[in-house]
Amino acid sequence: MRREALVALASASVLTLTGCSQEKLGPEAERGRQVYLSQCTACHAADPSQPGPVGPEVKGSSRELLEAKVLRVTYPPGYKPKRPTNVMPPQPQVAGDIPALAAYLK
């Protein structure tokens, strides 16, 4: 019985700590997270701070960078790309969600 109580206590502690460590997102950033997970994770990692199988890490991407790269397949003036490839096609379907994506990736 004592072992079961220790396992239950350890499980409860892990769940509590996991719940506390997750950052609560505002509505716009949560929308951005949903768009990112549905539209971007085929090439970028589910965790935007990690490189994906095709695309680089994108955490911290500015709205200006997102508009240029996602919509026009270019880079803002003076921006140095993380990877020297041009494989990303335009993603016009997310044009209206660029502000939300920027809020999530901030």
PDB file of N, CA and C in Angstrom:
ATOM      1  N   MET A   1       0.822  -1.180   0.000  1.00  0.00           N
ATOM      2  CA  MET A   1       0.000   0.000   0.000  1.00  0.00           C
ATOM      3  C   MET A   1       0.875   1.256   0.000  1.00  0.00           C
ATOM      4  N   ARG A   2       1.972   1.220   0.702  1.00  0.00           N
ATOM      5  CA  ARG A   2       2.846   2.379   0.782  1.00  0.00           C
ATOM      6  C   ARG A   2       3.430   2.719  -0.599  1.00  0.00           C
ATOM      7  N   ARG A   3       3.832   1.695  -1.353  1.00  0.00           N
ATOM      8  CA  ARG A   3       4.378   1.921  -2.693  1.00  0.00           C
ATOM      9  C   ARG A   3       3.348   2.591  -3.588  1.00  0.00           C
ATOM     10  N   GLU A   4       2.095   2.157  -3.507  1.00  0.00           N
ATOM     11  CA  GLU A   4       1.034   2.753  -4.306  1.00  0.00           C
ATOM     12  C   GLU A   4       0.844   4.228  -3.957  1.00  0.00           C
ATOM     13  N   ALA A   5       0.945   4.554  -2.687  1.00  0.00           N
ATOM     14  CA  ALA A   5       0.801   5.945  -2.260  1.00  0.00           C
ATOM     15  C   ALA A   5       1.947   6.787  -2.792  1.00  0.00           C
ATOM     16  N   LEU A   6       3.168   6.262  -2.804  1.00  0.00           N
ATOM     17  CA  LEU A   6       4.313   6.992  -3.335  1.00  0.00           C
ATOM     18  C   LEU A   6       4.175   7.215  -4.832  1.00  0.00           C
ATOM     19  N   VAL A   7       3.717   6.209  -5.542  1.00  0.00           N
ATOM     20  CA  VAL A   7       3.517   6.342  -6.987  1.00  0.00           C
ATOM     21  C   VAL A   7       2.442   7.389  -7.264  1.00  0.00           C
ATOM     22  N   ALA A   8       1.360   7.356  -6.516  1.00  0.00           N
ATOM     23  CA  ALA A   8       0.287   8.337  -6.696  1.00  0.00           C
ATOM     24  C   ALA A   8       0.785   9.742  -6.396  1.00  0.00           C
ATOM     25  N   LEU A   9       1.568   9.909  -5.343  1.00  0.00           N
ATOM     26  CA  LEU A   9       2.109  11.213  -4.984  1.00  0.00           C
ATOM     27  C   LEU A   9       3.069  11.713  -6.059  1.00  0.00           C
ATOM     28  N   ALA A  10       3.923  10.842  -6.555  1.00  0.00           N
ATOM     29  CA  ALA A  10       4.859  11.224  -7.613  1.00  0.00           C
ATOM     30  C   ALA A  10       4.109  11.619  -8.877  1.00  0.00           C
ATOM     31  N   SER A  11       3.086  10.874  -9.233  1.00  0.00           N
ATOM     32  CA  SER A  11       2.296  11.193 -10.423  1.00  0.00           C
ATOM     33  C   SER A  11       1.593  12.538 -10.276  1.00  0.00           C
ATOM     34  N   ALA A  12       1.042  12.787  -9.119  1.00  0.00           N
ATOM     35  CA  ALA A  12       0.365  14.061  -8.877  1.00  0.00           C
ATOM     36  C   ALA A  12       1.359  15.216  -8.951  1.00  0.00           C
ATOM     37  N   SER A  13       2.559  15.014  -8.426  1.00  0.00           N
ATOM     38  CA  SER A  13       3.583  16.061  -8.466  1.00  0.00           C
ATOM     39  C   SER A  13       3.991  16.381  -9.899  1.00  0.00           C
ATOM     40  N   VAL A  14       4.182  15.351 -10.697  1.00  0.00           N
ATOM     41  CA  VAL A  14       4.562  15.561 -12.098  1.00  0.00           C
ATOM     42  C   VAL A  14       3.465  16.316 -12.832  1.00  0.00           C
ATOM     43  N   LEU A  15       2.225  15.929 -12.641  1.00  0.00           N
ATOM     44  CA  LEU A  15       1.113  16.605 -13.302  1.00  0.00           C
ATOM     45  C   LEU A  15       1.007  18.063 -12.866  1.00  0.00           C
ATOM     46  N   THR A  16       1.210  18.313 -11.588  1.00  0.00           N
ATOM     47  CA  THR A  16       1.155  19.679 -11.077  1.00  0.00           C
ATOM     48  C   THR A  16       2.265  20.527 -11.671  1.00  0.00           C
ATOM     49  N   LEU A  17       3.480  20.003 -11.678  1.00  0.00           N
ATOM     50  CA  LEU A  17       4.603  20.763 -12.219  1.00  0.00           C
ATOM     51  C   LEU A  17       4.452  20.985 -13.715  1.00  0.00           C
ATOM     52  N   THR A  18       3.956  20.008 -14.422  1.00  0.00           N
ATOM     53  CA  THR A  18       3.743  20.156 -15.862  1.00  0.00           C
ATOM     54  C   THR A  18       2.707  21.233 -16.137  1.00  0.00           C
ATOM     55  N   GLY A  19       1.645  21.239 -15.393  1.00  0.00           N
ATOM     56  CA  GLY A  19       0.615  22.251 -15.563  1.00  0.00           C
ATOM     57  C   GLY A  19       1.120  23.643 -15.257  1.00  0.00           C
ATOM     58  N   CYS A  20       1.991  23.781 -14.302  1.00  0.00           N
ATOM     59  CA  CYS A  20       2.518  25.092 -13.925  1.00  0.00           C
ATOM     60  C   CYS A  20       3.530  25.612 -14.937  1.00  0.00           C
ATOM     61  N   SER A  21       4.216  24.725 -15.606  1.00  0.00           N
ATOM     62  CA  SER A  21       5.269  25.164 -16.512  1.00  0.00           C
ATOM     63  C   SER A  21       4.734  25.582 -17.873  1.00  0.00           C
ATOM     64  N   GLN A  22       3.503  25.272 -18.194  1.00  0.00           N
ATOM     65  CA  GLN A  22       2.950  25.633 -19.483  1.00  0.00           C
ATOM     66  C   GLN A  22       2.506  27.089 -19.456  1.00  0.00           C
ATOM     67  N   GLU A  23       2.977  27.846 -20.418  1.00  0.00           N
ATOM     68  CA  GLU A  23       2.628  29.252 -20.508  1.00  0.00           C
ATOM     69  C   GLU A  23       1.231  29.386 -21.077  1.00  0.00           C
ATOM     70  N   LYS A  24       0.414  30.216 -20.440  1.00  0.00           N
ATOM     71  CA  LYS A  24      -0.934  30.467 -20.951  1.00  0.00           C
ATOM     72  C   LYS A  24      -0.834  31.488 -22.066  1.00  0.00           C
ATOM     73  N   LEU A  25      -1.452  31.181 -23.175  1.00  0.00           N
ATOM     74  CA  LEU A  25      -1.426  32.071 -24.333  1.00  0.00           C
ATOM     75  C   LEU A  25      -2.691  32.911 -24.371  1.00  0.00           C
ATOM     76  N   GLY A  26      -2.548  34.139 -24.842  1.00  0.00           N
ATOM     77  CA  GLY A  26      -3.709  34.975 -25.081  1.00  0.00           C
ATOM     78  C   GLY A  26      -4.465  34.443 -26.281  1.00  0.00           C
ATOM     79  N   PRO A  27      -5.663  34.957 -26.535  1.00  0.00           N
ATOM     80  CA  PRO A  27      -6.479  34.448 -27.646  1.00  0.00           C
ATOM     81  C   PRO A  27      -5.792  34.541 -29.014  1.00  0.00           C
ATOM     82  N   GLU A  28      -5.103  35.656 -29.296  1.00  0.00           N
ATOM     83  CA  GLU A  28      -4.455  35.795 -30.600  1.00  0.00           C
ATOM     84  C   GLU A  28      -3.291  34.814 -30.739  1.00  0.00           C
ATOM     85  N   ALA A  29      -2.475  34.692 -29.692  1.00  0.00           N
ATOM     86  CA  ALA A  29      -1.350  33.755 -29.739  1.00  0.00           C
ATOM     87  C   ALA A  29      -1.847  32.311 -29.809  1.00  0.00           C
ATOM     88  N   GLU A  30      -2.941  32.006 -29.139  1.00  0.00           N
ATOM     89  CA  GLU A  30      -3.513  30.654 -29.218  1.00  0.00           C
ATOM     90  C   GLU A  30      -3.996  30.372 -30.645  1.00  0.00           C
ATOM     91  N   ARG A  31      -4.590  31.352 -31.277  1.00  0.00           N
ATOM     92  CA  ARG A  31      -4.990  31.182 -32.685  1.00  0.00           C
ATOM     93  C   ARG A  31      -3.754  30.949 -33.549  1.00  0.00           C
ATOM     94  N   GLY A  32      -2.690  31.700 -33.285  1.00  0.00           N
ATOM     95  CA  GLY A  32      -1.440  31.515 -34.000  1.00  0.00           C
ATOM     96  C   GLY A  32      -0.866  30.124 -33.798  1.00  0.00           C
ATOM     97  N   ARG A  33      -0.971  29.615 -32.580  1.00  0.00           N
ATOM     98  CA  ARG A  33      -0.489  28.252 -32.289  1.00  0.00           C
ATOM     99  C   ARG A  33      -1.263  27.232 -33.115  1.00  0.00           C
ATOM    100  N   GLN A  34      -2.571  27.404 -33.178  1.00  0.00           N
ATOM    101  CA  GLN A  34      -3.398  26.478 -33.959  1.00  0.00           C
ATOM    102  C   GLN A  34      -3.050  26.535 -35.441  1.00  0.00           C
ATOM    103  N   VAL A  35      -2.866  27.737 -35.960  1.00  0.00           N
ATOM    104  CA  VAL A  35      -2.485  27.897 -37.371  1.00  0.00           C
ATOM    105  C   VAL A  35      -1.111  27.264 -37.598  1.00  0.00           C
ATOM    106  N   TYR A  36      -0.173  27.542 -36.703  1.00  0.00           N
ATOM    107  CA  TYR A  36       1.180  26.991 -36.836  1.00  0.00           C
ATOM    108  C   TYR A  36       1.140  25.462 -36.859  1.00  0.00           C
ATOM    109  N   LEU A  37       0.422  24.871 -35.911  1.00  0.00           N
ATOM    110  CA  LEU A  37       0.370  23.408 -35.851  1.00  0.00           C
ATOM    111  C   LEU A  37      -0.297  22.800 -37.081  1.00  0.00           C
ATOM    112  N   SER A  38      -1.291  23.474 -37.632  1.00  0.00           N
ATOM    113  CA  SER A  38      -1.996  22.907 -38.783  1.00  0.00           C
ATOM    114  C   SER A  38      -1.329  23.225 -40.124  1.00  0.00           C
ATOM    115  N   GLN A  39      -0.606  24.337 -40.215  1.00  0.00           N
ATOM    116  CA  GLN A  39      -0.070  24.765 -41.506  1.00  0.00           C
ATOM    117  C   GLN A  39       1.453  24.678 -41.632  1.00  0.00           C
ATOM    118  N   CYS A  40       2.160  24.678 -40.528  1.00  0.00           N
ATOM    119  CA  CYS A  40       3.618  24.843 -40.601  1.00  0.00           C
ATOM    120  C   CYS A  40       4.423  23.605 -40.211  1.00  0.00           C
ATOM    121  N   THR A  41       3.821  22.701 -39.472  1.00  0.00           N
ATOM    122  CA  THR A  41       4.595  21.596 -38.917  1.00  0.00           C
ATOM    123  C   THR A  41       4.919  20.484 -39.912  1.00  0.00           C
ATOM    124  N   ALA A  42       4.455  20.586 -41.139  1.00  0.00           N
ATOM    125  CA  ALA A  42       4.888  19.615 -42.148  1.00  0.00           C
ATOM    126  C   ALA A  42       6.377  19.806 -42.441  1.00  0.00           C
ATOM    127  N   CYS A  43       6.845  21.043 -42.294  1.00  0.00           N
ATOM    128  CA  CYS A  43       8.259  21.353 -42.576  1.00  0.00           C
ATOM    129  C   CYS A  43       9.019  21.846 -41.345  1.00  0.00           C
ATOM    130  N   HIS A  44       8.324  22.549 -40.456  1.00  0.00           N
ATOM    131  CA  HIS A  44       8.950  23.082 -39.251  1.00  0.00           C
ATOM    132  C   HIS A  44       8.564  22.200 -38.068  1.00  0.00           C
ATOM    133  N   ALA A  45       9.389  22.182 -37.044  1.00  0.00           N
ATOM    134  CA  ALA A  45       9.126  21.354 -35.859  1.00  0.00           C
ATOM    135  C   ALA A  45       7.880  21.838 -35.127  1.00  0.00           C
ATOM    136  N   ALA A  46       7.211  20.933 -34.428  1.00  0.00           N
ATOM    137  CA  ALA A  46       6.055  21.301 -33.617  1.00  0.00           C
ATOM    138  C   ALA A  46       6.449  22.330 -32.557  1.00  0.00           C
ATOM    139  N   ASP A  47       7.670  22.250 -32.077  1.00  0.00           N
ATOM    140  CA  ASP A  47       8.222  23.250 -31.160  1.00  0.00           C
ATOM    141  C   ASP A  47       8.953  24.271 -32.024  1.00  0.00           C
ATOM    142  N   PRO A  48       8.413  25.486 -32.158  1.00  0.00           N
ATOM    143  CA  PRO A  48       9.017  26.450 -33.074  1.00  0.00           C
ATOM    144  C   PRO A  48      10.430  26.883 -32.709  1.00  0.00           C
ATOM    145  N   SER A  49      10.909  26.527 -31.528  1.00  0.00           N
ATOM    146  CA  SER A  49      12.281  26.873 -31.151  1.00  0.00           C
ATOM    147  C   SER A  49      13.285  25.826 -31.629  1.00  0.00           C
ATOM    148  N   GLN A  50      12.783  24.766 -32.271  1.00  0.00           N
ATOM    149  CA  GLN A  50      13.640  23.689 -32.768  1.00  0.00           C
ATOM    150  C   GLN A  50      13.602  23.646 -34.293  1.00  0.00           C
ATOM    151  N   PRO A  51      14.702  23.233 -34.921  1.00  0.00           N
ATOM    152  CA  PRO A  51      14.665  23.081 -36.377  1.00  0.00           C
ATOM    153  C   PRO A  51      13.768  21.909 -36.774  1.00  0.00           C
ATOM    154  N   GLY A  52      13.120  22.059 -37.905  1.00  0.00           N
ATOM    155  CA  GLY A  52      12.256  20.994 -38.408  1.00  0.00           C
ATOM    156  C   GLY A  52      12.973  20.153 -39.433  1.00  0.00           C
ATOM    157  N   PRO A  53      12.280  19.185 -40.017  1.00  0.00           N
ATOM    158  CA  PRO A  53      12.911  18.313 -41.008  1.00  0.00           C
ATOM    159  C   PRO A  53      13.314  19.054 -42.283  1.00  0.00           C
ATOM    160  N   VAL A  54      12.606  20.129 -42.612  1.00  0.00           N
ATOM    161  CA  VAL A  54      12.900  20.899 -43.818  1.00  0.00           C
ATOM    162  C   VAL A  54      13.189  22.360 -43.471  1.00  0.00           C
ATOM    163  N   GLY A  55      12.379  22.939 -42.599  1.00  0.00           N
ATOM    164  CA  GLY A  55      12.496  24.358 -42.266  1.00  0.00           C
ATOM    165  C   GLY A  55      13.239  24.593 -40.962  1.00  0.00           C
ATOM    166  N   PRO A  56      13.811  25.787 -40.811  1.00  0.00           N
ATOM    167  CA  PRO A  56      14.554  26.111 -39.600  1.00  0.00           C
ATOM    168  C   PRO A  56      13.627  26.436 -38.428  1.00  0.00           C
ATOM    169  N   GLU A  57      14.209  26.645 -37.255  1.00  0.00           N
ATOM    170  CA  GLU A  57      13.424  27.121 -36.113  1.00  0.00           C
ATOM    171  C   GLU A  57      12.881  28.503 -36.466  1.00  0.00           C
ATOM    172  N   VAL A  58      11.676  28.798 -36.010  1.00  0.00           N
ATOM    173  CA  VAL A  58      11.037  30.051 -36.383  1.00  0.00           C
ATOM    174  C   VAL A  58      10.610  30.886 -35.174  1.00  0.00           C
ATOM    175  N   LYS A  59      10.917  30.408 -33.991  1.00  0.00           N
ATOM    176  CA  LYS A  59      10.576  31.176 -32.787  1.00  0.00           C
ATOM    177  C   LYS A  59      11.249  32.539 -32.866  1.00  0.00           C
ATOM    178  N   GLY A  60      10.493  33.578 -32.543  1.00  0.00           N
ATOM    179  CA  GLY A  60      11.020  34.930 -32.583  1.00  0.00           C
ATOM    180  C   GLY A  60      10.863  35.617 -33.924  1.00  0.00           C
ATOM    181  N   SER A  61      10.273  34.941 -34.895  1.00  0.00           N
ATOM    182  CA  SER A  61      10.077  35.557 -36.213  1.00  0.00           C
ATOM    183  C   SER A  61       9.149  36.763 -36.099  1.00  0.00           C
ATOM    184  N   SER A  62       9.562  37.854 -36.691  1.00  0.00           N
ATOM    185  CA  SER A  62       8.768  39.079 -36.650  1.00  0.00           C
ATOM    186  C   SER A  62       7.619  39.015 -37.659  1.00  0.00           C
ATOM    187  N   ARG A  63       6.676  39.895 -37.456  1.00  0.00           N
ATOM    188  CA  ARG A  63       5.565  39.988 -38.410  1.00  0.00           C
ATOM    189  C   ARG A  63       6.099  40.353 -39.794  1.00  0.00           C
ATOM    190  N   GLU A  64       7.075  41.235 -39.843  1.00  0.00           N
ATOM    191  CA  GLU A  64       7.676  41.644 -41.120  1.00  0.00           C
ATOM    192  C   GLU A  64       8.290  40.443 -41.843  1.00  0.00           C
ATOM    193  N   LEU A  65       9.022  39.611 -41.109  1.00  0.00           N
ATOM    194  CA  LEU A  65       9.622  38.416 -41.706  1.00  0.00           C
ATOM    195  C   LEU A  65       8.539  37.445 -42.168  1.00  0.00           C
ATOM    196  N   LEU A  66       7.529  37.234 -41.344  1.00  0.00           N
ATOM    197  CA  LEU A  66       6.452  36.309 -41.714  1.00  0.00           C
ATOM    198  C   LEU A  66       5.730  36.779 -42.973  1.00  0.00           C
ATOM    199  N   GLU A  67       5.417  38.058 -43.044  1.00  0.00           N
ATOM    200  CA  GLU A  67       4.737  38.574 -44.236  1.00  0.00           C
ATOM    201  C   GLU A  67       5.602  38.390 -45.482  1.00  0.00           C
ATOM    202  N   ALA A  68       6.885  38.690 -45.363  1.00  0.00           N
ATOM    203  CA  ALA A  68       7.778  38.571 -46.514  1.00  0.00           C
ATOM    204  C   ALA A  68       7.942  37.118 -46.938  1.00  0.00           C
ATOM    205  N   LYS A  69       8.261  36.247 -46.001  1.00  0.00           N
ATOM    206  CA  LYS A  69       8.587  34.856 -46.349  1.00  0.00           C
ATOM    207  C   LYS A  69       7.345  34.031 -46.663  1.00  0.00           C
ATOM    208  N   VAL A  70       6.334  34.135 -45.822  1.00  0.00           N
ATOM    209  CA  VAL A  70       5.140  33.295 -45.975  1.00  0.00           C
ATOM    210  C   VAL A  70       4.301  33.717 -47.185  1.00  0.00           C
ATOM    211  N   LEU A  71       4.207  35.011 -47.413  1.00  0.00           N
ATOM    212  CA  LEU A  71       3.335  35.482 -48.488  1.00  0.00           C
ATOM    213  C   LEU A  71       4.057  35.733 -49.802  1.00  0.00           C
ATOM    214  N   ARG A  72       5.288  36.276 -49.735  1.00  0.00           N
ATOM    215  CA  ARG A  72       5.989  36.667 -50.955  1.00  0.00           C
ATOM    216  C   ARG A  72       7.235  35.840 -51.255  1.00  0.00           C
ATOM    217  N   VAL A  73       7.575  34.906 -50.382  1.00  0.00           N
ATOM    218  CA  VAL A  73       8.749  34.036 -50.527  1.00  0.00           C
ATOM    219  C   VAL A  73      10.027  34.872 -50.723  1.00  0.00           C
ATOM    220  N   THR A  74      10.117  35.942 -49.958  1.00  0.00           N
ATOM    221  CA  THR A  74      11.297  36.799 -49.956  1.00  0.00           C
ATOM    222  C   THR A  74      11.726  37.009 -48.513  1.00  0.00           C
ATOM    223  N   TYR A  75      12.705  37.828 -48.305  1.00  0.00           N
ATOM    224  CA  TYR A  75      13.131  38.207 -46.959  1.00  0.00           C
ATOM    225  C   TYR A  75      13.089  39.719 -46.842  1.00  0.00           C
ATOM    226  N   PRO A  76      12.885  40.223 -45.632  1.00  0.00           N
ATOM    227  CA  PRO A  76      12.951  41.679 -45.448  1.00  0.00           C
ATOM    228  C   PRO A  76      14.366  42.181 -45.755  1.00  0.00           C
ATOM    229  N   PRO A  77      14.500  43.434 -46.136  1.00  0.00           N
ATOM    230  CA  PRO A  77      15.830  43.985 -46.410  1.00  0.00           C
ATOM    231  C   PRO A  77      16.777  43.797 -45.226  1.00  0.00           C
ATOM    232  N   GLY A  78      17.973  43.302 -45.524  1.00  0.00           N
ATOM    233  CA  GLY A  78      18.990  43.119 -44.502  1.00  0.00           C
ATOM    234  C   GLY A  78      18.884  41.846 -43.693  1.00  0.00           C
ATOM    235  N   TYR A  79      17.847  41.039 -43.910  1.00  0.00           N
ATOM    236  CA  TYR A  79      17.685  39.802 -43.148  1.00  0.00           C
ATOM    237  C   TYR A  79      18.616  38.724 -43.696  1.00  0.00           C
ATOM    238  N   LYS A  80      19.297  38.020 -42.806  1.00  0.00           N
ATOM    239  CA  LYS A  80      20.183  36.922 -43.208  1.00  0.00           C
ATOM    240  C   LYS A  80      19.463  35.593 -42.938  1.00  0.00           C
ATOM    241  N   PRO A  81      19.138  34.827 -43.996  1.00  0.00           N
ATOM    242  CA  PRO A  81      18.423  33.558 -43.815  1.00  0.00           C
ATOM    243  C   PRO A  81      19.207  32.559 -42.966  1.00  0.00           C
ATOM    244  N   LYS A  82      18.463  31.730 -42.235  1.00  0.00           N
ATOM    245  CA  LYS A  82      19.075  30.691 -41.407  1.00  0.00           C
ATOM    246  C   LYS A  82      19.564  29.521 -42.253  1.00  0.00           C
ATOM    247  N   ARG A  83      18.923  29.305 -43.391  1.00  0.00           N
ATOM    248  CA  ARG A  83      19.307  28.227 -44.306  1.00  0.00           C
ATOM    249  C   ARG A  83      19.372  28.801 -45.715  1.00  0.00           C
ATOM    250  N   PRO A  84      20.304  28.341 -46.523  1.00  0.00           N
ATOM    251  CA  PRO A  84      20.470  28.903 -47.870  1.00  0.00           C
ATOM    252  C   PRO A  84      19.571  28.256 -48.929  1.00  0.00           C
ATOM    253  N   THR A  85      18.409  27.774 -48.545  1.00  0.00           N
ATOM    254  CA  THR A  85      17.526  27.107 -49.505  1.00  0.00           C
ATOM    255  C   THR A  85      16.329  27.993 -49.827  1.00  0.00           C
ATOM    256  N   ASN A  86      15.655  27.665 -50.895  1.00  0.00           N
ATOM    257  CA  ASN A  86      14.443  28.374 -51.297  1.00  0.00           C
ATOM    258  C   ASN A  86      13.322  27.375 -51.561  1.00  0.00           C
ATOM    259  N   VAL A  87      13.087  26.470 -50.636  1.00  0.00           N
ATOM    260  CA  VAL A  87      12.100  25.424 -50.867  1.00  0.00           C
ATOM    261  C   VAL A  87      10.700  25.781 -50.366  1.00  0.00           C
ATOM    262  N   MET A  88      10.575  26.841 -49.584  1.00  0.00           N
ATOM    263  CA  MET A  88       9.268  27.174 -49.032  1.00  0.00           C
ATOM    264  C   MET A  88       8.394  27.844 -50.097  1.00  0.00           C
ATOM    265  N   PRO A  89       7.240  27.235 -50.385  1.00  0.00           N
ATOM    266  CA  PRO A  89       6.313  27.866 -51.332  1.00  0.00           C
ATOM    267  C   PRO A  89       5.496  28.943 -50.607  1.00  0.00           C
ATOM    268  N   PRO A  90       4.878  29.852 -51.342  1.00  0.00           N
ATOM    269  CA  PRO A  90       4.021  30.844 -50.686  1.00  0.00           C
ATOM    270  C   PRO A  90       2.849  30.154 -49.991  1.00  0.00           C
ATOM    271  N   GLN A  91       2.388  30.751 -48.926  1.00  0.00           N
ATOM    272  CA  GLN A  91       1.288  30.194 -48.134  1.00  0.00           C
ATOM    273  C   GLN A  91       0.163  31.224 -48.025  1.00  0.00           C
ATOM    274  N   PRO A  92      -0.493  31.567 -49.134  1.00  0.00           N
ATOM    275  CA  PRO A  92      -1.505  32.626 -49.102  1.00  0.00           C
ATOM    276  C   PRO A  92      -2.692  32.321 -48.189  1.00  0.00           C
ATOM    277  N   GLN A  93      -2.930  31.062 -47.905  1.00  0.00           N
ATOM    278  CA  GLN A  93      -4.063  30.685 -47.053  1.00  0.00           C
ATOM    279  C   GLN A  93      -3.919  31.193 -45.623  1.00  0.00           C
ATOM    280  N   VAL A  94      -2.726  31.587 -45.203  1.00  0.00           N
ATOM    281  CA  VAL A  94      -2.540  32.088 -43.840  1.00  0.00           C
ATOM    282  C   VAL A  94      -2.366  33.611 -43.796  1.00  0.00           C
ATOM    283  N   ALA A  95      -2.625  34.290 -44.895  1.00  0.00           N
ATOM    284  CA  ALA A  95      -2.431  35.745 -44.954  1.00  0.00           C
ATOM    285  C   ALA A  95      -3.164  36.463 -43.818  1.00  0.00           C
ATOM    286  N   GLY A  96      -4.385  36.095 -43.559  1.00  0.00           N
ATOM    287  CA  GLY A  96      -5.162  36.744 -42.501  1.00  0.00           C
ATOM    288  C   GLY A  96      -4.720  36.378 -41.102  1.00  0.00           C
ATOM    289  N   ASP A  97      -3.883  35.357 -40.973  1.00  0.00           N
ATOM    290  CA  ASP A  97      -3.432  34.893 -39.657  1.00  0.00           C
ATOM    291  C   ASP A  97      -2.000  35.293 -39.328  1.00  0.00           C
ATOM    292  N   ILE A  98      -1.378  36.122 -40.154  1.00  0.00           N
ATOM    293  CA  ILE A  98       0.006  36.541 -39.894  1.00  0.00           C
ATOM    294  C   ILE A  98       0.140  37.221 -38.528  1.00  0.00           C
ATOM    295  N   PRO A  99      -0.766  38.131 -38.140  1.00  0.00           N
ATOM    296  CA  PRO A  99      -0.637  38.732 -36.806  1.00  0.00           C
ATOM    297  C   PRO A  99      -0.704  37.693 -35.681  1.00  0.00           C
ATOM    298  N   ALA A 100      -1.577  36.702 -35.836  1.00  0.00           N
ATOM    299  CA  ALA A 100      -1.699  35.650 -34.816  1.00  0.00           C
ATOM    300  C   ALA A 100      -0.435  34.790 -34.793  1.00  0.00           C
ATOM    301  N   LEU A 101       0.095  34.450 -35.947  1.00  0.00           N
ATOM    302  CA  LEU A 101       1.342  33.681 -36.000  1.00  0.00           C
ATOM    303  C   LEU A 101       2.483  34.453 -35.339  1.00  0.00           C
ATOM    304  N   ALA A 102       2.571  35.741 -35.619  1.00  0.00           N
ATOM    305  CA  ALA A 102       3.621  36.563 -35.020  1.00  0.00           C
ATOM    306  C   ALA A 102       3.454  36.602 -33.497  1.00  0.00           C
ATOM    307  N   ALA A 103       2.214  36.692 -33.019  1.00  0.00           N
ATOM    308  CA  ALA A 103       1.966  36.703 -31.569  1.00  0.00           C
ATOM    309  C   ALA A 103       2.404  35.374 -30.944  1.00  0.00           C
ATOM    310  N   TYR A 104       2.132  34.270 -31.604  1.00  0.00           N
ATOM    311  CA  TYR A 104       2.521  32.957 -31.079  1.00  0.00           C
ATOM    312  C   TYR A 104       4.038  32.772 -31.108  1.00  0.00           C
ATOM    313  N   LEU A 105       4.676  33.170 -32.185  1.00  0.00           N
ATOM    314  CA  LEU A 105       6.114  32.930 -32.330  1.00  0.00           C
ATOM    315  C   LEU A 105       6.972  33.921 -31.557  1.00  0.00           C
ATOM    316  N   LYS A 106       6.373  34.984 -31.048  1.00  0.00           N
ATOM    317  CA  LYS A 106       7.108  36.013 -30.311  1.00  0.00           C
ATOM    318  C   LYS A 106       7.881  35.472 -29.136  1.00  0.00           C
TER     319      LYS A 106
END
